[in-house]
Amino acid sequence: MDAGGRYGIHPSWRGYEAPIDYRMFEPEPVEAARLTRKYEGHPDIAVMPFALGAVPDTTIDLFITAHHGYIGATPPNPASLWFGEVRPEEGTVQGSITVPATTLDAYIDANGGRADFLKIDVESHELRVLEGAGRALDRALGVRVELQFDDSFVGQTASSIFHHMIDERDFRLMRFDYDGKGQALSYLTVDGNYGTLCGCDALFVRKFPSIEAWGGEETAAGLVKLAVFALRNGMPDFSVVCLNRLHATGWRVGDEEPEVHRYLRKLFILAAARLRLQSWDLYDLAVDDYRRFFGMQMPTRHEIYESEWLNPN
């Protein structure tokens, strides 16, 4: 479930080689119409032309900004570093519109399905979306949510997201998705030292005990999906932890391998191939783990290059 679908499917989900039901919520009418046209003919991607928030069956006002990437329910703060120094023209509010809104829980109740993963990027309206997704979060495996460390928008801070996800919902914060440096505020960036971290995405995952409490196939499916999520979101080390927990359950693939499990094998092989450039000893550990986790020998280097599955281009 993608709250804030502007510009399309998130890069971490593009090219996903397993069955997917991707639903994006984009309330701004012009962009929603564009996305609907863009994904026509893609039955696994649906565009919902309304907003998500904390209250079902209501409306919210969207502030239309000069740069459309900042359109949202919270106006930009011109006194902030981001809109005052870095992007001084882009946050100018040019008008507002009223759009329909509901909660993620109400949407799922009415339309079915369940949210294995959430991506929330709604310009400082993220907490409201999370508050309206209480039951969805009861089963969600992973959450990508945008944080604001500076006062780029009015009314929400990163600490409120941390409190909600860590203290109230018992998710684990895994990483911040950024390059290790903040935003450069001027030309004087000497020796690579610069920056203020105004905002970035944070990745949260469900803790293992609650997944393992589901039992049987549900636990196995959850751990497989979470391992894939880890490999697609800059957490390859965590995928090994997921696979260890899966192996410990005693679950094994039956006569027909699930497509998502096959995709997990592919991602593991490709990650291990890159690991070989760092250390042969670490690569040997990956080879041993592949045999242990998947019950087969990992392809050799030339087999990877010659495989249409692993090297299609």
C-alpha atoms as a PDB file:
ATOM      1  CA  MET A   1       0.000   0.000   0.000  1.00  0.00           C
ATOM      2  CA  ASP A   2       1.561   3.267  -1.188  1.00  0.00           C
ATOM      3  CA  ALA A   3       0.292   6.469   0.429  1.00  0.00           C
ATOM      4  CA  GLY A   4       1.517   9.297  -1.762  1.00  0.00           C
ATOM      5  CA  GLY A   5       1.730   7.728  -5.203  1.00  0.00           C
ATOM      6  CA  ARG A   6       2.897  10.786  -7.157  1.00  0.00           C
ATOM      7  CA  TYR A   7       5.329   9.884  -9.967  1.00  0.00           C
ATOM      8  CA  GLY A   8       4.492   6.170  -9.770  1.00  0.00           C
ATOM      9  CA  ILE A   9       5.587   2.926  -8.194  1.00  0.00           C
ATOM     10  CA  HIS A  10       8.439   3.347  -5.717  1.00  0.00           C
ATOM     11  CA  PRO A  11      11.896   2.313  -7.032  1.00  0.00           C
ATOM     12  CA  SER A  12      12.223  -0.361  -4.342  1.00  0.00           C
ATOM     13  CA  TRP A  13       9.273  -2.188  -5.939  1.00  0.00           C
ATOM     14  CA  ARG A  14      10.034  -1.704  -9.634  1.00  0.00           C
ATOM     15  CA  GLY A  15      10.911  -4.882 -11.476  1.00  0.00           C
ATOM     16  CA  TYR A  16       9.562  -7.084  -8.677  1.00  0.00           C
ATOM     17  CA  GLU A  17       9.735 -10.634 -10.054  1.00  0.00           C
ATOM     18  CA  ALA A  18       6.925 -12.215  -8.048  1.00  0.00           C
ATOM     19  CA  PRO A  19       3.158 -11.695  -7.831  1.00  0.00           C
ATOM     20  CA  ILE A  20       2.362  -8.265  -6.423  1.00  0.00           C
ATOM     21  CA  ASP A  21      -0.791  -6.298  -5.619  1.00  0.00           C
ATOM     22  CA  TYR A  22       0.419  -2.688  -5.562  1.00  0.00           C
ATOM     23  CA  ARG A  23      -2.162  -0.070  -4.602  1.00  0.00           C
ATOM     24  CA  MET A  24      -1.175   3.594  -4.654  1.00  0.00           C
ATOM     25  CA  PHE A  25      -3.204   6.440  -3.177  1.00  0.00           C
ATOM     26  CA  GLU A  26      -2.853   9.761  -4.989  1.00  0.00           C
ATOM     27  CA  PRO A  27      -5.469  12.415  -4.157  1.00  0.00           C
ATOM     28  CA  GLU A  28      -4.373  15.228  -6.482  1.00  0.00           C
ATOM     29  CA  PRO A  29      -6.764  14.778  -9.445  1.00  0.00           C
ATOM     30  CA  VAL A  30      -4.418  15.638 -12.309  1.00  0.00           C
ATOM     31  CA  GLU A  31      -1.661  13.314 -11.078  1.00  0.00           C
ATOM     32  CA  ALA A  32      -4.148  10.558 -10.213  1.00  0.00           C
ATOM     33  CA  ALA A  33      -5.492  10.681 -13.767  1.00  0.00           C
ATOM     34  CA  ARG A  34      -1.966  10.584 -15.200  1.00  0.00           C
ATOM     35  CA  LEU A  35      -1.048   7.577 -13.074  1.00  0.00           C
ATOM     36  CA  THR A  36      -4.249   5.786 -14.051  1.00  0.00           C
ATOM     37  CA  ARG A  37      -3.323   6.198 -17.724  1.00  0.00           C
ATOM     38  CA  LYS A  38       0.283   5.217 -17.048  1.00  0.00           C
ATOM     39  CA  TYR A  39      -0.619   1.918 -15.406  1.00  0.00           C
ATOM     40  CA  GLU A  40      -3.528   0.994 -17.656  1.00  0.00           C
ATOM     41  CA  GLY A  41      -2.908  -2.586 -18.676  1.00  0.00           C
ATOM     42  CA  HIS A  42      -1.057  -3.375 -15.433  1.00  0.00           C
ATOM     43  CA  PRO A  43      -3.585  -5.410 -13.428  1.00  0.00           C
ATOM     44  CA  ASP A  44      -1.157  -5.696 -10.511  1.00  0.00           C
ATOM     45  CA  ILE A  45      -1.053  -1.892 -10.004  1.00  0.00           C
ATOM     46  CA  ALA A  46      -4.112   0.148  -9.000  1.00  0.00           C
ATOM     47  CA  VAL A  47      -4.471   3.900  -8.469  1.00  0.00           C
ATOM     48  CA  MET A  48      -6.858   5.189  -5.788  1.00  0.00           C
ATOM     49  CA  PRO A  49      -7.787   8.867  -6.383  1.00  0.00           C
ATOM     50  CA  PHE A  50      -8.194   9.892  -2.756  1.00  0.00           C
ATOM     51  CA  ALA A  51      -6.118  10.654   0.309  1.00  0.00           C
ATOM     52  CA  LEU A  52      -5.381   8.566   3.377  1.00  0.00           C
ATOM     53  CA  GLY A  53      -5.511   9.997   6.864  1.00  0.00           C
ATOM     54  CA  ALA A  54      -6.709   9.387  10.413  1.00  0.00           C
ATOM     55  CA  VAL A  55     -10.488   9.762   9.876  1.00  0.00           C
ATOM     56  CA  PRO A  56     -12.618   7.636   7.507  1.00  0.00           C
ATOM     57  CA  ASP A  57     -15.032   9.055   4.932  1.00  0.00           C
ATOM     58  CA  THR A  58     -14.022  12.686   5.156  1.00  0.00           C
ATOM     59  CA  THR A  59     -12.159  15.334   3.149  1.00  0.00           C
ATOM     60  CA  ILE A  60      -8.852  17.139   3.488  1.00  0.00           C
ATOM     61  CA  ASP A  61      -7.413  20.272   1.920  1.00  0.00           C
ATOM     62  CA  LEU A  62      -4.366  19.887  -0.302  1.00  0.00           C
ATOM     63  CA  PHE A  63      -1.962  22.801  -0.674  1.00  0.00           C
ATOM     64  CA  ILE A  64      -0.846  23.194  -4.295  1.00  0.00           C
ATOM     65  CA  THR A  65       2.837  24.117  -4.400  1.00  0.00           C
ATOM     66  CA  ALA A  66       5.049  25.496  -7.154  1.00  0.00           C
ATOM     67  CA  HIS A  67       6.885  22.175  -7.343  1.00  0.00           C
ATOM     68  CA  HIS A  68       4.191  19.522  -7.389  1.00  0.00           C
ATOM     69  CA  GLY A  69       6.272  17.049  -5.415  1.00  0.00           C
ATOM     70  CA  TYR A  70       5.395  19.001  -2.260  1.00  0.00           C
ATOM     71  CA  ILE A  71       1.614  19.028  -2.741  1.00  0.00           C
ATOM     72  CA  GLY A  72       0.042  17.759   0.467  1.00  0.00           C
ATOM     73  CA  ALA A  73      -2.198  18.377   3.443  1.00  0.00           C
ATOM     74  CA  THR A  74       0.505  20.346   5.281  1.00  0.00           C
ATOM     75  CA  PRO A  75       1.876  23.637   3.907  1.00  0.00           C
ATOM     76  CA  PRO A  76       5.629  24.064   3.463  1.00  0.00           C
ATOM     77  CA  ASN A  77       7.376  26.258   6.023  1.00  0.00           C
ATOM     78  CA  PRO A  78       9.214  29.085   4.187  1.00  0.00           C
ATOM     79  CA  ALA A  79      11.351  29.727   7.297  1.00  0.00           C
ATOM     80  CA  SER A  80      12.809  26.196   7.261  1.00  0.00           C
ATOM     81  CA  LEU A  81      16.255  25.391   5.906  1.00  0.00           C
ATOM     82  CA  TRP A  82      14.818  23.343   3.049  1.00  0.00           C
ATOM     83  CA  PHE A  83      12.322  25.875   1.747  1.00  0.00           C
ATOM     84  CA  GLY A  84      14.253  28.928   2.935  1.00  0.00           C
ATOM     85  CA  GLU A  85      17.767  28.046   1.725  1.00  0.00           C
ATOM     86  CA  VAL A  86      17.794  24.911  -0.428  1.00  0.00           C
ATOM     87  CA  ARG A  87      14.559  25.118  -2.457  1.00  0.00           C
ATOM     88  CA  PRO A  88      13.314  28.670  -1.830  1.00  0.00           C
ATOM     89  CA  GLU A  89      10.971  28.817  -4.842  1.00  0.00           C
ATOM     90  CA  GLU A  90       9.561  25.315  -4.869  1.00  0.00           C
ATOM     91  CA  GLY A  91       7.434  25.455  -1.723  1.00  0.00           C
ATOM     92  CA  THR A  92       5.396  28.522  -2.664  1.00  0.00           C
ATOM     93  CA  VAL A  93       1.711  27.761  -2.088  1.00  0.00           C
ATOM     94  CA  GLN A  94      -0.298  28.658  -5.191  1.00  0.00           C
ATOM     95  CA  GLY A  95      -3.721  27.534  -4.012  1.00  0.00           C
ATOM     96  CA  SER A  96      -5.614  24.694  -2.380  1.00  0.00           C
ATOM     97  CA  ILE A  97      -8.230  22.086  -3.256  1.00  0.00           C
ATOM     98  CA  THR A  98     -10.468  19.820  -1.190  1.00  0.00           C
ATOM     99  CA  VAL A  99     -10.229  16.081  -1.866  1.00  0.00           C
ATOM    100  CA  PRO A 100     -11.900  12.951  -0.452  1.00  0.00           C
ATOM    101  CA  ALA A 101     -10.045  11.047   2.245  1.00  0.00           C
ATOM    102  CA  THR A 102     -10.391   7.897   4.301  1.00  0.00           C
ATOM    103  CA  THR A 103      -8.255   5.626   6.458  1.00  0.00           C
ATOM    104  CA  LEU A 104      -6.266   2.641   5.276  1.00  0.00           C
ATOM    105  CA  ASP A 105      -8.221   0.456   7.693  1.00  0.00           C
ATOM    106  CA  ALA A 106     -11.547   1.625   6.249  1.00  0.00           C
ATOM    107  CA  TYR A 107     -10.286   1.089   2.718  1.00  0.00           C
ATOM    108  CA  ILE A 108      -9.168  -2.481   3.464  1.00  0.00           C
ATOM    109  CA  ASP A 109     -12.444  -3.227   5.270  1.00  0.00           C
ATOM    110  CA  ALA A 110     -14.380  -2.126   2.187  1.00  0.00           C
ATOM    111  CA  ASN A 111     -12.145  -3.589  -0.520  1.00  0.00           C
ATOM    112  CA  GLY A 112     -10.422  -6.576   1.041  1.00  0.00           C
ATOM    113  CA  GLY A 113      -6.785  -7.530   0.985  1.00  0.00           C
ATOM    114  CA  ARG A 114      -4.093  -6.847   3.513  1.00  0.00           C
ATOM    115  CA  ALA A 115      -1.042  -4.631   3.681  1.00  0.00           C
ATOM    116  CA  ASP A 116       2.151  -6.677   3.829  1.00  0.00           C
ATOM    117  CA  PHE A 117       4.155  -3.500   3.295  1.00  0.00           C
ATOM    118  CA  LEU A 118       3.457   0.217   3.545  1.00  0.00           C
ATOM    119  CA  LYS A 119       5.217   3.124   1.876  1.00  0.00           C
ATOM    120  CA  ILE A 120       4.123   6.516   3.221  1.00  0.00           C
ATOM    121  CA  ASP A 121       5.419   9.766   1.738  1.00  0.00           C
ATOM    122  CA  VAL A 122       2.794  12.492   2.148  1.00  0.00           C
ATOM    123  CA  GLU A 123       4.675  15.662   3.047  1.00  0.00           C
ATOM    124  CA  SER A 124       4.428  15.605   6.849  1.00  0.00           C
ATOM    125  CA  HIS A 125       0.981  13.961   6.931  1.00  0.00           C
ATOM    126  CA  GLU A 126       2.567  10.546   7.603  1.00  0.00           C
ATOM    127  CA  LEU A 127       1.534  10.257  11.247  1.00  0.00           C
ATOM    128  CA  ARG A 128      -2.123  10.795  10.355  1.00  0.00           C
ATOM    129  CA  VAL A 129      -1.905   7.972   7.817  1.00  0.00           C
ATOM    130  CA  LEU A 130      -0.312   5.669  10.402  1.00  0.00           C
ATOM    131  CA  GLU A 131      -3.002   6.548  12.942  1.00  0.00           C
ATOM    132  CA  GLY A 132      -5.631   5.460  10.431  1.00  0.00           C
ATOM    133  CA  ALA A 133      -3.825   2.181   9.750  1.00  0.00           C
ATOM    134  CA  GLY A 134      -3.963   0.548  13.174  1.00  0.00           C
ATOM    135  CA  ARG A 135      -5.350  -2.798  12.025  1.00  0.00           C
ATOM    136  CA  ALA A 136      -3.194  -2.760   8.894  1.00  0.00           C
ATOM    137  CA  LEU A 137      -0.105  -2.354  11.067  1.00  0.00           C
ATOM    138  CA  ASP A 138      -1.172  -5.390  13.100  1.00  0.00           C
ATOM    139  CA  ARG A 139      -0.124  -7.539  10.115  1.00  0.00           C
ATOM    140  CA  ALA A 140       2.324  -5.345   8.194  1.00  0.00           C
ATOM    141  CA  LEU A 141       5.821  -6.770   7.769  1.00  0.00           C
ATOM    142  CA  GLY A 142       7.658  -3.608   6.791  1.00  0.00           C
ATOM    143  CA  VAL A 143       7.070   0.129   6.568  1.00  0.00           C
ATOM    144  CA  ARG A 144       8.934   2.799   4.599  1.00  0.00           C
ATOM    145  CA  VAL A 145       7.987   6.255   5.859  1.00  0.00           C
ATOM    146  CA  GLU A 146       9.355   9.709   5.122  1.00  0.00           C
ATOM    147  CA  LEU A 147      10.716  11.637   8.108  1.00  0.00           C
ATOM    148  CA  GLN A 148      11.276  15.363   8.578  1.00  0.00           C
ATOM    149  CA  PHE A 149      14.140  16.232  10.934  1.00  0.00           C
ATOM    150  CA  ASP A 150      13.857  19.935  10.204  1.00  0.00           C
ATOM    151  CA  ASP A 151      10.666  22.020  10.337  1.00  0.00           C
ATOM    152  CA  SER A 152      10.221  21.814   6.553  1.00  0.00           C
ATOM    153  CA  PHE A 153       6.492  21.393   7.087  1.00  0.00           C
ATOM    154  CA  VAL A 154       4.322  22.472   9.989  1.00  0.00           C
ATOM    155  CA  GLY A 155       3.066  20.150  12.704  1.00  0.00           C
ATOM    156  CA  GLN A 156       5.000  16.872  12.572  1.00  0.00           C
ATOM    157  CA  THR A 157       8.478  15.832  13.651  1.00  0.00           C
ATOM    158  CA  ALA A 158      10.516  12.664  13.228  1.00  0.00           C
ATOM    159  CA  SER A 159      10.191  11.985  16.954  1.00  0.00           C
ATOM    160  CA  SER A 160       6.424  11.587  16.628  1.00  0.00           C
ATOM    161  CA  ILE A 161       6.937   8.884  13.992  1.00  0.00           C
ATOM    162  CA  PHE A 162       9.547   7.136  16.147  1.00  0.00           C
ATOM    163  CA  HIS A 163       7.217   7.190  19.150  1.00  0.00           C
ATOM    164  CA  HIS A 164       4.322   5.788  17.151  1.00  0.00           C
ATOM    165  CA  MET A 165       6.242   3.042  15.351  1.00  0.00           C
ATOM    166  CA  ILE A 166       8.725   2.002  18.055  1.00  0.00           C
ATOM    167  CA  ASP A 167       7.027   2.724  21.381  1.00  0.00           C
ATOM    168  CA  GLU A 168       3.370   2.244  20.463  1.00  0.00           C
ATOM    169  CA  ARG A 169       3.490  -0.300  17.612  1.00  0.00           C
ATOM    170  CA  ASP A 170       6.661  -2.218  18.615  1.00  0.00           C
ATOM    171  CA  PHE A 171       8.314  -2.104  15.187  1.00  0.00           C
ATOM    172  CA  ARG A 172      12.085  -2.156  14.811  1.00  0.00           C
ATOM    173  CA  LEU A 173      13.841   0.786  13.157  1.00  0.00           C
ATOM    174  CA  MET A 174      16.311  -0.704  10.669  1.00  0.00           C
ATOM    175  CA  ARG A 175      17.896   2.139   8.741  1.00  0.00           C
ATOM    176  CA  PHE A 176      17.666   5.615   7.259  1.00  0.00           C
ATOM    177  CA  ASP A 177      17.654   5.511   3.464  1.00  0.00           C
ATOM    178  CA  TYR A 178      20.140   8.227   2.562  1.00  0.00           C
ATOM    179  CA  ASP A 179      23.750   8.498   1.433  1.00  0.00           C
ATOM    180  CA  GLY A 180      25.262   9.365   4.810  1.00  0.00           C
ATOM    181  CA  LYS A 181      25.328  13.111   4.327  1.00  0.00           C
ATOM    182  CA  GLY A 182      22.751  15.810   4.770  1.00  0.00           C
ATOM    183  CA  GLN A 183      21.772  18.498   2.323  1.00  0.00           C
ATOM    184  CA  ALA A 184      24.554  20.866   1.244  1.00  0.00           C
ATOM    185  CA  LEU A 185      23.524  24.395   2.244  1.00  0.00           C
ATOM    186  CA  SER A 186      26.091  26.322   0.182  1.00  0.00           C
ATOM    187  CA  TYR A 187      29.017  25.860  -2.192  1.00  0.00           C
ATOM    188  CA  LEU A 188      31.561  25.575   0.675  1.00  0.00           C
ATOM    189  CA  THR A 189      31.660  21.777   0.848  1.00  0.00           C
ATOM    190  CA  VAL A 190      35.289  21.123   1.786  1.00  0.00           C
ATOM    191  CA  ASP A 191      36.767  17.588   1.865  1.00  0.00           C
ATOM    192  CA  GLY A 192      33.305  16.098   1.595  1.00  0.00           C
ATOM    193  CA  ASN A 193      32.191  17.649   4.874  1.00  0.00           C
ATOM    194  CA  TYR A 194      28.844  19.368   4.706  1.00  0.00           C
ATOM    195  CA  GLY A 195      25.182  19.137   5.272  1.00  0.00           C
ATOM    196  CA  THR A 196      22.112  19.226   7.409  1.00  0.00           C
ATOM    197  CA  LEU A 197      19.870  16.174   7.484  1.00  0.00           C
ATOM    198  CA  CYS A 198      16.508  17.772   6.746  1.00  0.00           C
ATOM    199  CA  GLY A 199      14.653  14.550   6.013  1.00  0.00           C
ATOM    200  CA  CYS A 200      14.851  11.046   4.572  1.00  0.00           C
ATOM    201  CA  ASP A 201      12.987   7.748   4.464  1.00  0.00           C
ATOM    202  CA  ALA A 202      13.130   5.399   7.453  1.00  0.00           C
ATOM    203  CA  LEU A 203      12.594   1.648   7.246  1.00  0.00           C
ATOM    204  CA  PHE A 204      10.820  -0.249  10.008  1.00  0.00           C
ATOM    205  CA  VAL A 205      10.173  -4.005  10.241  1.00  0.00           C
ATOM    206  CA  ARG A 206       7.937  -6.193  12.356  1.00  0.00           C
ATOM    207  CA  LYS A 207       9.777  -8.071  15.096  1.00  0.00           C
ATOM    208  CA  PHE A 208      10.189 -11.813  14.662  1.00  0.00           C
ATOM    209  CA  PRO A 209       8.198 -13.121  17.659  1.00  0.00           C
ATOM    210  CA  SER A 210       4.930 -11.704  16.344  1.00  0.00           C
ATOM    211  CA  ILE A 211       5.561 -13.172  12.869  1.00  0.00           C
ATOM    212  CA  GLU A 212       6.448 -16.557  14.340  1.00  0.00           C
ATOM    213  CA  ALA A 213       3.280 -16.477  16.445  1.00  0.00           C
ATOM    214  CA  TRP A 214       1.209 -16.678  13.256  1.00  0.00           C
ATOM    215  CA  GLY A 215       2.471 -20.228  12.718  1.00  0.00           C
ATOM    216  CA  GLY A 216       2.719 -22.563   9.732  1.00  0.00           C
ATOM    217  CA  GLU A 217       2.472 -21.228   6.197  1.00  0.00           C
ATOM    218  CA  GLU A 218       1.673 -17.698   7.374  1.00  0.00           C
ATOM    219  CA  THR A 219       4.944 -17.471   9.276  1.00  0.00           C
ATOM    220  CA  ALA A 220       6.896 -18.956   6.373  1.00  0.00           C
ATOM    221  CA  ALA A 221       5.331 -16.578   3.854  1.00  0.00           C
ATOM    222  CA  GLY A 222       5.984 -13.619   6.139  1.00  0.00           C
ATOM    223  CA  LEU A 223       9.654 -14.465   6.622  1.00  0.00           C
ATOM    224  CA  VAL A 224      10.195 -15.059   2.897  1.00  0.00           C
ATOM    225  CA  LYS A 225       8.561 -11.738   1.987  1.00  0.00           C
ATOM    226  CA  LEU A 226      10.521  -9.932   4.686  1.00  0.00           C
ATOM    227  CA  ALA A 227      13.800 -11.404   3.406  1.00  0.00           C
ATOM    228  CA  VAL A 228      12.981 -10.161  -0.098  1.00  0.00           C
ATOM    229  CA  PHE A 229      12.095  -6.736   1.329  1.00  0.00           C
ATOM    230  CA  ALA A 230      15.465  -6.656   3.090  1.00  0.00           C
ATOM    231  CA  LEU A 231      17.377  -7.467  -0.087  1.00  0.00           C
ATOM    232  CA  ARG A 232      15.436  -4.859  -2.073  1.00  0.00           C
ATOM    233  CA  ASN A 233      15.855  -2.113   0.537  1.00  0.00           C
ATOM    234  CA  GLY A 234      19.545  -2.031   1.398  1.00  0.00           C
ATOM    235  CA  MET A 235      19.456  -4.581   4.228  1.00  0.00           C
ATOM    236  CA  PRO A 236      21.052  -7.743   2.762  1.00  0.00           C
ATOM    237  CA  ASP A 237      22.529  -8.737   6.126  1.00  0.00           C
ATOM    238  CA  PHE A 238      19.045  -8.795   7.646  1.00  0.00           C
ATOM    239  CA  SER A 239      17.856 -11.190   4.929  1.00  0.00           C
ATOM    240  CA  VAL A 240      20.215 -13.827   6.354  1.00  0.00           C
ATOM    241  CA  VAL A 241      18.635 -13.371   9.784  1.00  0.00           C
ATOM    242  CA  CYS A 242      15.187 -13.836   8.224  1.00  0.00           C
ATOM    243  CA  LEU A 243      16.342 -16.987   6.438  1.00  0.00           C
ATOM    244  CA  ASN A 244      17.861 -18.385   9.623  1.00  0.00           C
ATOM    245  CA  ARG A 245      14.521 -17.898  11.400  1.00  0.00           C
ATOM    246  CA  LEU A 246      12.696 -19.511   8.477  1.00  0.00           C
ATOM    247  CA  HIS A 247      15.072 -22.482   8.473  1.00  0.00           C
ATOM    248  CA  ALA A 248      14.587 -22.918  12.226  1.00  0.00           C
ATOM    249  CA  THR A 249      10.815 -23.331  11.764  1.00  0.00           C
ATOM    250  CA  GLY A 250      11.425 -26.501   9.768  1.00  0.00           C
ATOM    251  CA  TRP A 251       9.493 -25.148   6.775  1.00  0.00           C
ATOM    252  CA  ARG A 252      10.729 -26.391   3.410  1.00  0.00           C
ATOM    253  CA  VAL A 253       9.588 -25.800  -0.162  1.00  0.00           C
ATOM    254  CA  GLY A 254       7.124 -28.396  -1.418  1.00  0.00           C
ATOM    255  CA  ASP A 255       6.719 -29.804  -4.916  1.00  0.00           C
ATOM    256  CA  GLU A 256       6.061 -26.373  -6.443  1.00  0.00           C
ATOM    257  CA  GLU A 257       8.302 -23.479  -5.423  1.00  0.00           C
ATOM    258  CA  PRO A 258       6.422 -20.220  -4.726  1.00  0.00           C
ATOM    259  CA  GLU A 259       7.452 -17.468  -7.144  1.00  0.00           C
ATOM    260  CA  VAL A 260       8.423 -15.152  -4.300  1.00  0.00           C
ATOM    261  CA  HIS A 261      10.730 -17.861  -2.902  1.00  0.00           C
ATOM    262  CA  ARG A 262      12.372 -18.303  -6.294  1.00  0.00           C
ATOM    263  CA  TYR A 263      12.842 -14.534  -6.484  1.00  0.00           C
ATOM    264  CA  LEU A 264      14.413 -14.616  -3.019  1.00  0.00           C
ATOM    265  CA  ARG A 265      16.936 -17.168  -4.269  1.00  0.00           C
ATOM    266  CA  LYS A 266      17.791 -14.916  -7.207  1.00  0.00           C
ATOM    267  CA  LEU A 267      18.326 -11.865  -5.014  1.00  0.00           C
ATOM    268  CA  PHE A 268      20.483 -13.896  -2.613  1.00  0.00           C
ATOM    269  CA  ILE A 269      22.650 -15.221  -5.470  1.00  0.00           C
ATOM    270  CA  LEU A 270      23.190 -11.750  -6.934  1.00  0.00           C
ATOM    271  CA  ALA A 271      24.009 -10.260  -3.527  1.00  0.00           C
ATOM    272  CA  ALA A 272      26.485 -13.072  -2.840  1.00  0.00           C
ATOM    273  CA  ALA A 273      28.123 -12.496  -6.223  1.00  0.00           C
ATOM    274  CA  ARG A 274      28.830  -8.888  -5.232  1.00  0.00           C
ATOM    275  CA  LEU A 275      30.073 -10.054  -1.838  1.00  0.00           C
ATOM    276  CA  ARG A 276      32.750 -12.127  -3.572  1.00  0.00           C
ATOM    277  CA  LEU A 277      34.436  -8.876  -4.627  1.00  0.00           C
ATOM    278  CA  GLN A 278      34.875  -8.006  -0.935  1.00  0.00           C
ATOM    279  CA  SER A 279      36.004 -11.317   0.512  1.00  0.00           C
ATOM    280  CA  TRP A 280      36.236 -14.912  -0.659  1.00  0.00           C
ATOM    281  CA  ASP A 281      35.783 -16.088   2.929  1.00  0.00           C
ATOM    282  CA  LEU A 282      32.484 -14.228   3.221  1.00  0.00           C
ATOM    283  CA  TYR A 283      31.435 -15.526  -0.181  1.00  0.00           C
ATOM    284  CA  ASP A 284      32.106 -19.091   0.980  1.00  0.00           C
ATOM    285  CA  LEU A 285      29.788 -18.468   3.932  1.00  0.00           C
ATOM    286  CA  ALA A 286      27.090 -17.361   1.498  1.00  0.00           C
ATOM    287  CA  VAL A 287      27.607 -20.513  -0.592  1.00  0.00           C
ATOM    288  CA  ASP A 288      27.196 -22.670   2.516  1.00  0.00           C
ATOM    289  CA  ASP A 289      24.124 -20.738   3.623  1.00  0.00           C
ATOM    290  CA  TYR A 290      22.528 -21.001   0.179  1.00  0.00           C
ATOM    291  CA  ARG A 291      22.863 -24.786   0.343  1.00  0.00           C
ATOM    292  CA  ARG A 292      21.473 -24.804   3.886  1.00  0.00           C
ATOM    293  CA  PHE A 293      18.587 -22.417   3.235  1.00  0.00           C
ATOM    294  CA  PHE A 294      17.522 -23.600  -0.206  1.00  0.00           C
ATOM    295  CA  GLY A 295      18.689 -27.220  -0.329  1.00  0.00           C
ATOM    296  CA  MET A 296      20.733 -26.829  -3.517  1.00  0.00           C
ATOM    297  CA  GLN A 297      24.125 -25.721  -4.766  1.00  0.00           C
ATOM    298  CA  MET A 298      24.541 -22.031  -5.540  1.00  0.00           C
ATOM    299  CA  PRO A 299      25.375 -21.316  -9.203  1.00  0.00           C
ATOM    300  CA  THR A 300      29.026 -20.727  -9.964  1.00  0.00           C
ATOM    301  CA  ARG A 301      30.329 -17.476 -11.425  1.00  0.00           C
ATOM    302  CA  HIS A 302      30.145 -18.621 -15.057  1.00  0.00           C
ATOM    303  CA  GLU A 303      26.726 -20.187 -14.481  1.00  0.00           C
ATOM    304  CA  ILE A 304      25.456 -16.814 -13.261  1.00  0.00           C
ATOM    305  CA  TYR A 305      26.773 -15.071 -16.386  1.00  0.00           C
ATOM    306  CA  GLU A 306      25.299 -17.727 -18.679  1.00  0.00           C
ATOM    307  CA  SER A 307      21.881 -17.819 -16.999  1.00  0.00           C
ATOM    308  CA  GLU A 308      18.989 -16.016 -18.690  1.00  0.00           C
ATOM    309  CA  TRP A 309      17.281 -15.952 -15.283  1.00  0.00           C
ATOM    310  CA  LEU A 310      20.196 -14.370 -13.410  1.00  0.00           C
ATOM    311  CA  ASN A 311      21.698 -12.353 -16.271  1.00  0.00           C
ATOM    312  CA  PRO A 312      18.806 -11.570 -18.643  1.00  0.00           C
ATOM    313  CA  ASN A 313      20.436  -8.523 -20.240  1.00  0.00           C
END
